[in-house]
Amino acid sequence: MFTGLIESVCKVTSVVNAAGGMRLQIYIGKEAKFGESISINGVCLTVSKSVASTAEFDISGETLTRTTLKVLKSGSEVNIERAMTADGRFGGHIVQGHIDCIGKIKNIEKKGEFWKFTFEIPKETATDNIEDYLIPKGSIAIDGVSLTIAEVKGAVFSTAIIPATYENTIFKKYKNGDLVNIETDILCRIVRKQLENIVPNKSNLTMEKLKDLGF
């Protein structure tokens, strides 16, 4: 599990297409352990090999299809976060590293020392009912960064970015039209699923019955 607090921005050193997927090498500046989980632009990946400060990851075709990792190349910068330890401090929100869909940056607006980023979820990348999980003041992860949704209009939503987040993530590299990985809040998804199981799809409760009961 991750919290959406980016530890560092690192560079991709090698991208090699493999049968059915891709092999990715990233210089992370510290030694990684075999089997360790690391979030790369919000995608949970497993270290398959580590040499000095360079970690290697094997990425399946399924992950490439559902994320923006497929556009990475040597020299690309990525957000890095290691999995949270059991005794770690919880700073952001629960981030699994399981991407729901790919979004697009619709607009970037500077507001004094802050920024307003507006994102759009294209229909071709949206998962079922994805808009239901876009809630004002709710949590969302963009390329692994824990953010709070400010405004929502259908499949378009905006977030406010503070200077510290802007300077210490790949947000400072973004431009209009760039694609990003989006993970909605798992707690919101769980609540919705449980309500769907608990509340019947069809109810015999009508306005007339409510009136008869004194409402």
C-alpha atoms as a PDB file:
ATOM      1  CA  MET A   1       0.000   0.000   0.000  1.00  0.00           C
ATOM      2  CA  PHE A   2       1.091   3.578  -0.703  1.00  0.00           C
ATOM      3  CA  THR A   3       0.003   6.967   0.604  1.00  0.00           C
ATOM      4  CA  GLY A   4       0.471   9.202  -2.443  1.00  0.00           C
ATOM      5  CA  LEU A   5       3.386  11.155  -0.952  1.00  0.00           C
ATOM      6  CA  ILE A   6       6.115  11.091  -3.590  1.00  0.00           C
ATOM      7  CA  GLU A   7       9.607  10.354  -2.274  1.00  0.00           C
ATOM      8  CA  SER A   8      11.565  11.446  -5.320  1.00  0.00           C
ATOM      9  CA  VAL A   9      11.545  12.056  -9.053  1.00  0.00           C
ATOM     10  CA  CYS A  10      13.805   9.555 -10.838  1.00  0.00           C
ATOM     11  CA  LYS A  11      14.968   8.951 -14.387  1.00  0.00           C
ATOM     12  CA  VAL A  12      14.300   5.963 -16.608  1.00  0.00           C
ATOM     13  CA  THR A  13      17.620   4.519 -17.772  1.00  0.00           C
ATOM     14  CA  SER A  14      16.379   1.794 -20.098  1.00  0.00           C
ATOM     15  CA  VAL A  15      13.174   0.603 -21.765  1.00  0.00           C
ATOM     16  CA  VAL A  16      13.223  -2.755 -23.527  1.00  0.00           C
ATOM     17  CA  ASN A  17      10.254  -4.351 -25.223  1.00  0.00           C
ATOM     18  CA  ALA A  18       9.831  -7.949 -24.113  1.00  0.00           C
ATOM     19  CA  ALA A  19       7.519 -10.675 -25.380  1.00  0.00           C
ATOM     20  CA  GLY A  20       4.067  -9.678 -24.186  1.00  0.00           C
ATOM     21  CA  GLY A  21       5.308  -6.720 -22.130  1.00  0.00           C
ATOM     22  CA  MET A  22       8.183  -4.412 -21.297  1.00  0.00           C
ATOM     23  CA  ARG A  23      11.287  -4.334 -19.099  1.00  0.00           C
ATOM     24  CA  LEU A  24      11.940  -1.038 -17.350  1.00  0.00           C
ATOM     25  CA  GLN A  25      15.076   0.158 -15.564  1.00  0.00           C
ATOM     26  CA  ILE A  26      15.047   3.218 -13.284  1.00  0.00           C
ATOM     27  CA  TYR A  27      17.849   4.847 -11.343  1.00  0.00           C
ATOM     28  CA  ILE A  28      16.235   5.341  -7.938  1.00  0.00           C
ATOM     29  CA  GLY A  29      19.316   6.587  -6.094  1.00  0.00           C
ATOM     30  CA  LYS A  30      19.208   3.895  -3.421  1.00  0.00           C
ATOM     31  CA  GLU A  31      19.368   0.127  -3.269  1.00  0.00           C
ATOM     32  CA  ALA A  32      16.079  -1.703  -3.784  1.00  0.00           C
ATOM     33  CA  LYS A  33      15.362  -5.241  -2.683  1.00  0.00           C
ATOM     34  CA  PHE A  34      14.232  -8.038  -4.965  1.00  0.00           C
ATOM     35  CA  GLY A  35      10.447  -8.406  -4.694  1.00  0.00           C
ATOM     36  CA  GLU A  36       9.944  -4.948  -3.228  1.00  0.00           C
ATOM     37  CA  SER A  37       6.864  -2.990  -4.322  1.00  0.00           C
ATOM     38  CA  ILE A  38       7.479   0.499  -5.686  1.00  0.00           C
ATOM     39  CA  SER A  39       4.971   2.920  -7.162  1.00  0.00           C
ATOM     40  CA  ILE A  40       6.068   4.270 -10.551  1.00  0.00           C
ATOM     41  CA  ASN A  41       3.794   7.134 -11.633  1.00  0.00           C
ATOM     42  CA  GLY A  42       1.117   5.603  -9.437  1.00  0.00           C
ATOM     43  CA  VAL A  43       1.490   2.048 -10.766  1.00  0.00           C
ATOM     44  CA  CYS A  44       2.483  -0.630  -8.256  1.00  0.00           C
ATOM     45  CA  LEU A  45       5.419  -2.561  -9.712  1.00  0.00           C
ATOM     46  CA  THR A  46       7.651  -5.295  -8.295  1.00  0.00           C
ATOM     47  CA  VAL A  47      11.431  -5.086  -8.360  1.00  0.00           C
ATOM     48  CA  SER A  48      12.629  -8.038 -10.455  1.00  0.00           C
ATOM     49  CA  LYS A  49      16.308  -7.119 -10.294  1.00  0.00           C
ATOM     50  CA  SER A  50      18.445  -4.539  -8.508  1.00  0.00           C
ATOM     51  CA  VAL A  51      22.007  -3.501  -9.260  1.00  0.00           C
ATOM     52  CA  ALA A  52      23.502  -0.759  -7.080  1.00  0.00           C
ATOM     53  CA  SER A  53      20.957   2.075  -7.254  1.00  0.00           C
ATOM     54  CA  THR A  54      19.155   0.899 -10.397  1.00  0.00           C
ATOM     55  CA  ALA A  55      15.951  -1.124 -10.114  1.00  0.00           C
ATOM     56  CA  GLU A  56      14.485  -3.246 -12.889  1.00  0.00           C
ATOM     57  CA  PHE A  57      10.786  -3.977 -13.360  1.00  0.00           C
ATOM     58  CA  ASP A  58       8.942  -6.418 -15.622  1.00  0.00           C
ATOM     59  CA  ILE A  59       5.671  -4.913 -16.870  1.00  0.00           C
ATOM     60  CA  SER A  60       2.901  -7.054 -18.326  1.00  0.00           C
ATOM     61  CA  GLY A  61       0.969  -6.224 -21.471  1.00  0.00           C
ATOM     62  CA  GLU A  62      -2.181  -5.736 -19.373  1.00  0.00           C
ATOM     63  CA  THR A  63      -0.495  -3.037 -17.278  1.00  0.00           C
ATOM     64  CA  LEU A  64       0.837  -1.330 -20.395  1.00  0.00           C
ATOM     65  CA  THR A  65      -2.640  -1.248 -21.903  1.00  0.00           C
ATOM     66  CA  ARG A  66      -4.242   0.342 -18.841  1.00  0.00           C
ATOM     67  CA  THR A  67      -1.538   2.862 -17.878  1.00  0.00           C
ATOM     68  CA  THR A  68       0.761   5.496 -19.347  1.00  0.00           C
ATOM     69  CA  LEU A  69       3.891   3.427 -18.669  1.00  0.00           C
ATOM     70  CA  LYS A  70       3.837   2.403 -22.319  1.00  0.00           C
ATOM     71  CA  VAL A  71       4.968   5.910 -23.363  1.00  0.00           C
ATOM     72  CA  LEU A  72       8.052   5.944 -21.117  1.00  0.00           C
ATOM     73  CA  LYS A  73      11.457   6.110 -22.749  1.00  0.00           C
ATOM     74  CA  SER A  74      15.060   6.451 -21.656  1.00  0.00           C
ATOM     75  CA  GLY A  75      15.425   9.803 -19.910  1.00  0.00           C
ATOM     76  CA  SER A  76      11.756  10.083 -18.862  1.00  0.00           C
ATOM     77  CA  GLU A  77      11.204  11.319 -15.317  1.00  0.00           C
ATOM     78  CA  VAL A  78       8.808   9.449 -13.044  1.00  0.00           C
ATOM     79  CA  ASN A  79       7.292   9.813  -9.572  1.00  0.00           C
ATOM     80  CA  ILE A  80       8.639   7.236  -7.114  1.00  0.00           C
ATOM     81  CA  GLU A  81       7.153   6.030  -3.829  1.00  0.00           C
ATOM     82  CA  ARG A  82       8.111   2.935  -1.876  1.00  0.00           C
ATOM     83  CA  ALA A  83       5.411   0.862  -0.202  1.00  0.00           C
ATOM     84  CA  MET A  84       4.418   2.098   3.261  1.00  0.00           C
ATOM     85  CA  THR A  85       5.914   0.226   6.210  1.00  0.00           C
ATOM     86  CA  ALA A  86       3.690  -1.064   9.016  1.00  0.00           C
ATOM     87  CA  ASP A  87       5.130   1.492  11.448  1.00  0.00           C
ATOM     88  CA  GLY A  88       5.163   4.341   8.939  1.00  0.00           C
ATOM     89  CA  ARG A  89       3.301   7.602   9.286  1.00  0.00           C
ATOM     90  CA  PHE A  90       0.155   7.863   7.185  1.00  0.00           C
ATOM     91  CA  GLY A  91       0.342  11.181   5.362  1.00  0.00           C
ATOM     92  CA  GLY A  92      -1.837  11.061   2.235  1.00  0.00           C
ATOM     93  CA  HIS A  93      -4.663   8.610   1.559  1.00  0.00           C
ATOM     94  CA  ILE A  94      -4.855   4.894   0.806  1.00  0.00           C
ATOM     95  CA  VAL A  95      -3.314   4.370  -2.638  1.00  0.00           C
ATOM     96  CA  GLN A  96      -3.117   0.819  -3.976  1.00  0.00           C
ATOM     97  CA  GLY A  97      -1.211   1.426  -7.170  1.00  0.00           C
ATOM     98  CA  HIS A  98      -4.058  -0.086  -9.207  1.00  0.00           C
ATOM     99  CA  ILE A  99      -4.915   2.362 -11.978  1.00  0.00           C
ATOM    100  CA  ASP A 100      -8.582   2.870 -12.847  1.00  0.00           C
ATOM    101  CA  CYS A 101      -8.109   4.756 -16.092  1.00  0.00           C
ATOM    102  CA  ILE A 102      -5.956   7.141 -18.089  1.00  0.00           C
ATOM    103  CA  GLY A 103      -6.864  10.827 -17.905  1.00  0.00           C
ATOM    104  CA  LYS A 104      -5.804  13.853 -19.912  1.00  0.00           C
ATOM    105  CA  ILE A 105      -4.658  17.270 -18.715  1.00  0.00           C
ATOM    106  CA  LYS A 106      -7.234  19.730 -20.014  1.00  0.00           C
ATOM    107  CA  ASN A 107      -5.847  22.961 -18.577  1.00  0.00           C
ATOM    108  CA  ILE A 108      -3.055  24.282 -16.347  1.00  0.00           C
ATOM    109  CA  GLU A 109      -3.617  27.652 -14.703  1.00  0.00           C
ATOM    110  CA  LYS A 110      -1.195  29.451 -12.379  1.00  0.00           C
ATOM    111  CA  LYS A 111      -2.880  31.169  -9.455  1.00  0.00           C
ATOM    112  CA  GLY A 112      -0.315  33.257  -7.613  1.00  0.00           C
ATOM    113  CA  GLU A 113       2.142  30.773  -6.127  1.00  0.00           C
ATOM    114  CA  PHE A 114      -0.279  27.907  -6.675  1.00  0.00           C
ATOM    115  CA  TRP A 115      -1.626  26.039  -9.708  1.00  0.00           C
ATOM    116  CA  LYS A 116      -5.018  24.767 -10.791  1.00  0.00           C
ATOM    117  CA  PHE A 117      -4.875  21.588 -12.855  1.00  0.00           C
ATOM    118  CA  THR A 118      -7.962  20.463 -14.749  1.00  0.00           C
ATOM    119  CA  PHE A 119      -8.202  16.856 -15.900  1.00  0.00           C
ATOM    120  CA  GLU A 120     -10.576  15.059 -18.241  1.00  0.00           C
ATOM    121  CA  ILE A 121     -11.351  11.359 -18.435  1.00  0.00           C
ATOM    122  CA  PRO A 122     -11.865  10.494 -22.123  1.00  0.00           C
ATOM    123  CA  LYS A 123     -14.713   8.071 -22.799  1.00  0.00           C
ATOM    124  CA  GLU A 124     -12.363   5.611 -24.476  1.00  0.00           C
ATOM    125  CA  THR A 125     -10.270   5.217 -21.312  1.00  0.00           C
ATOM    126  CA  ALA A 126     -13.046   5.420 -18.705  1.00  0.00           C
ATOM    127  CA  THR A 127     -14.045   2.428 -16.622  1.00  0.00           C
ATOM    128  CA  ASP A 128     -17.651   1.724 -15.644  1.00  0.00           C
ATOM    129  CA  ASN A 129     -19.169   4.465 -13.459  1.00  0.00           C
ATOM    130  CA  ILE A 130     -15.801   6.198 -13.030  1.00  0.00           C
ATOM    131  CA  GLU A 131     -17.557   9.571 -12.729  1.00  0.00           C
ATOM    132  CA  ASP A 132     -19.365   8.340  -9.609  1.00  0.00           C
ATOM    133  CA  TYR A 133     -16.043   8.246  -7.777  1.00  0.00           C
ATOM    134  CA  LEU A 134     -15.132  11.847  -8.600  1.00  0.00           C
ATOM    135  CA  ILE A 135     -16.346  13.623  -5.475  1.00  0.00           C
ATOM    136  CA  PRO A 136     -15.617  17.258  -4.501  1.00  0.00           C
ATOM    137  CA  LYS A 137     -13.268  17.273  -1.476  1.00  0.00           C
ATOM    138  CA  GLY A 138     -12.658  13.567  -2.080  1.00  0.00           C
ATOM    139  CA  SER A 139      -9.251  11.971  -2.602  1.00  0.00           C
ATOM    140  CA  ILE A 140      -7.691  10.970  -5.898  1.00  0.00           C
ATOM    141  CA  ALA A 141      -4.221   9.905  -7.040  1.00  0.00           C
ATOM    142  CA  ILE A 142      -2.747  11.424 -10.200  1.00  0.00           C
ATOM    143  CA  ASP A 143       0.431   9.658 -11.340  1.00  0.00           C
ATOM    144  CA  GLY A 144       0.744   8.478  -7.750  1.00  0.00           C
ATOM    145  CA  VAL A 145       0.301  11.917  -6.128  1.00  0.00           C
ATOM    146  CA  SER A 146      -2.371  12.110  -3.421  1.00  0.00           C
ATOM    147  CA  LEU A 147      -4.639  15.074  -4.211  1.00  0.00           C
ATOM    148  CA  THR A 148      -7.989  16.522  -3.186  1.00  0.00           C
ATOM    149  CA  ILE A 149     -10.628  17.102  -5.846  1.00  0.00           C
ATOM    150  CA  ALA A 150     -11.775  20.731  -5.895  1.00  0.00           C
ATOM    151  CA  GLU A 151     -14.470  20.777  -8.591  1.00  0.00           C
ATOM    152  CA  VAL A 152     -16.278  18.181 -10.670  1.00  0.00           C
ATOM    153  CA  LYS A 153     -18.285  18.580 -13.872  1.00  0.00           C
ATOM    154  CA  GLY A 154     -19.095  15.176 -15.302  1.00  0.00           C
ATOM    155  CA  ALA A 155     -15.849  13.596 -16.464  1.00  0.00           C
ATOM    156  CA  VAL A 156     -13.890  16.819 -15.894  1.00  0.00           C
ATOM    157  CA  PHE A 157     -12.397  17.661 -12.503  1.00  0.00           C
ATOM    158  CA  SER A 158      -9.826  20.027 -11.059  1.00  0.00           C
ATOM    159  CA  THR A 159      -7.301  20.010  -8.220  1.00  0.00           C
ATOM    160  CA  ALA A 160      -5.240  22.703  -6.524  1.00  0.00           C
ATOM    161  CA  ILE A 161      -1.491  22.103  -6.490  1.00  0.00           C
ATOM    162  CA  ILE A 162       0.689  23.653  -3.796  1.00  0.00           C
ATOM    163  CA  PRO A 163       4.254  24.806  -4.609  1.00  0.00           C
ATOM    164  CA  ALA A 164       5.873  21.905  -2.712  1.00  0.00           C
ATOM    165  CA  THR A 165       3.941  19.322  -4.748  1.00  0.00           C
ATOM    166  CA  TYR A 166       4.630  21.168  -7.992  1.00  0.00           C
ATOM    167  CA  GLU A 167       8.378  21.388  -7.408  1.00  0.00           C
ATOM    168  CA  ASN A 168       8.918  17.872  -6.039  1.00  0.00           C
ATOM    169  CA  THR A 169       6.919  15.805  -8.549  1.00  0.00           C
ATOM    170  CA  ILE A 170       6.647  15.557 -12.320  1.00  0.00           C
ATOM    171  CA  PHE A 171       3.767  18.061 -12.171  1.00  0.00           C
ATOM    172  CA  LYS A 172       6.282  20.739 -13.111  1.00  0.00           C
ATOM    173  CA  LYS A 173       6.874  18.868 -16.390  1.00  0.00           C
ATOM    174  CA  TYR A 174       3.208  18.577 -17.371  1.00  0.00           C
ATOM    175  CA  LYS A 175       1.660  20.399 -20.297  1.00  0.00           C
ATOM    176  CA  ASN A 176      -1.841  20.505 -21.744  1.00  0.00           C
ATOM    177  CA  GLY A 177      -2.781  17.250 -23.447  1.00  0.00           C
ATOM    178  CA  ASP A 178      -0.426  15.047 -21.424  1.00  0.00           C
ATOM    179  CA  LEU A 179      -1.822  11.708 -20.259  1.00  0.00           C
ATOM    180  CA  VAL A 180      -1.813  10.700 -16.583  1.00  0.00           C
ATOM    181  CA  ASN A 181      -2.628   7.641 -14.501  1.00  0.00           C
ATOM    182  CA  ILE A 182      -5.733   8.009 -12.341  1.00  0.00           C
ATOM    183  CA  GLU A 183      -6.643   5.973  -9.275  1.00  0.00           C
ATOM    184  CA  THR A 184      -9.856   6.848  -7.457  1.00  0.00           C
ATOM    185  CA  ASP A 185     -10.339   6.431  -3.709  1.00  0.00           C
ATOM    186  CA  ILE A 186     -10.631   2.744  -2.773  1.00  0.00           C
ATOM    187  CA  LEU A 187     -12.824   3.607   0.243  1.00  0.00           C
ATOM    188  CA  CYS A 188     -15.331   5.292  -2.057  1.00  0.00           C
ATOM    189  CA  ARG A 189     -15.345   2.260  -4.346  1.00  0.00           C
ATOM    190  CA  ILE A 190     -15.867  -0.145  -1.430  1.00  0.00           C
ATOM    191  CA  VAL A 191     -18.784   1.866  -0.011  1.00  0.00           C
ATOM    192  CA  ARG A 192     -20.495   2.026  -3.392  1.00  0.00           C
ATOM    193  CA  LYS A 193     -20.072  -1.706  -4.003  1.00  0.00           C
ATOM    194  CA  GLN A 194     -21.463  -2.617  -0.594  1.00  0.00           C
ATOM    195  CA  LEU A 195     -24.442  -0.312  -1.069  1.00  0.00           C
ATOM    196  CA  GLU A 196     -25.149  -1.967  -4.408  1.00  0.00           C
ATOM    197  CA  ASN A 197     -25.177  -5.343  -2.631  1.00  0.00           C
ATOM    198  CA  ILE A 198     -27.284  -4.167   0.297  1.00  0.00           C
ATOM    199  CA  VAL A 199     -29.816  -1.871  -1.346  1.00  0.00           C
ATOM    200  CA  PRO A 200     -32.136  -3.731  -3.753  1.00  0.00           C
ATOM    201  CA  ASN A 201     -32.152  -2.576  -7.343  1.00  0.00           C
ATOM    202  CA  LYS A 202     -35.910  -2.498  -7.333  1.00  0.00           C
ATOM    203  CA  SER A 203     -37.907  -1.306  -4.362  1.00  0.00           C
ATOM    204  CA  ASN A 204     -41.662  -1.523  -3.721  1.00  0.00           C
ATOM    205  CA  LEU A 205     -41.488   1.732  -1.761  1.00  0.00           C
ATOM    206  CA  THR A 206     -43.579   4.437  -3.461  1.00  0.00           C
ATOM    207  CA  MET A 207     -44.690   7.965  -2.619  1.00  0.00           C
ATOM    208  CA  GLU A 208     -48.194   6.609  -1.887  1.00  0.00           C
ATOM    209  CA  LYS A 209     -46.854   4.069   0.601  1.00  0.00           C
ATOM    210  CA  LEU A 210     -44.764   6.755   2.292  1.00  0.00           C
ATOM    211  CA  LYS A 211     -47.879   8.922   2.685  1.00  0.00           C
ATOM    212  CA  ASP A 212     -49.816   5.973   4.111  1.00  0.00           C
ATOM    213  CA  LEU A 213     -47.019   5.488   6.656  1.00  0.00           C
ATOM    214  CA  GLY A 214     -47.320   9.121   7.733  1.00  0.00           C
ATOM    215  CA  PHE A 215     -44.344  10.640   5.932  1.00  0.00           C
END
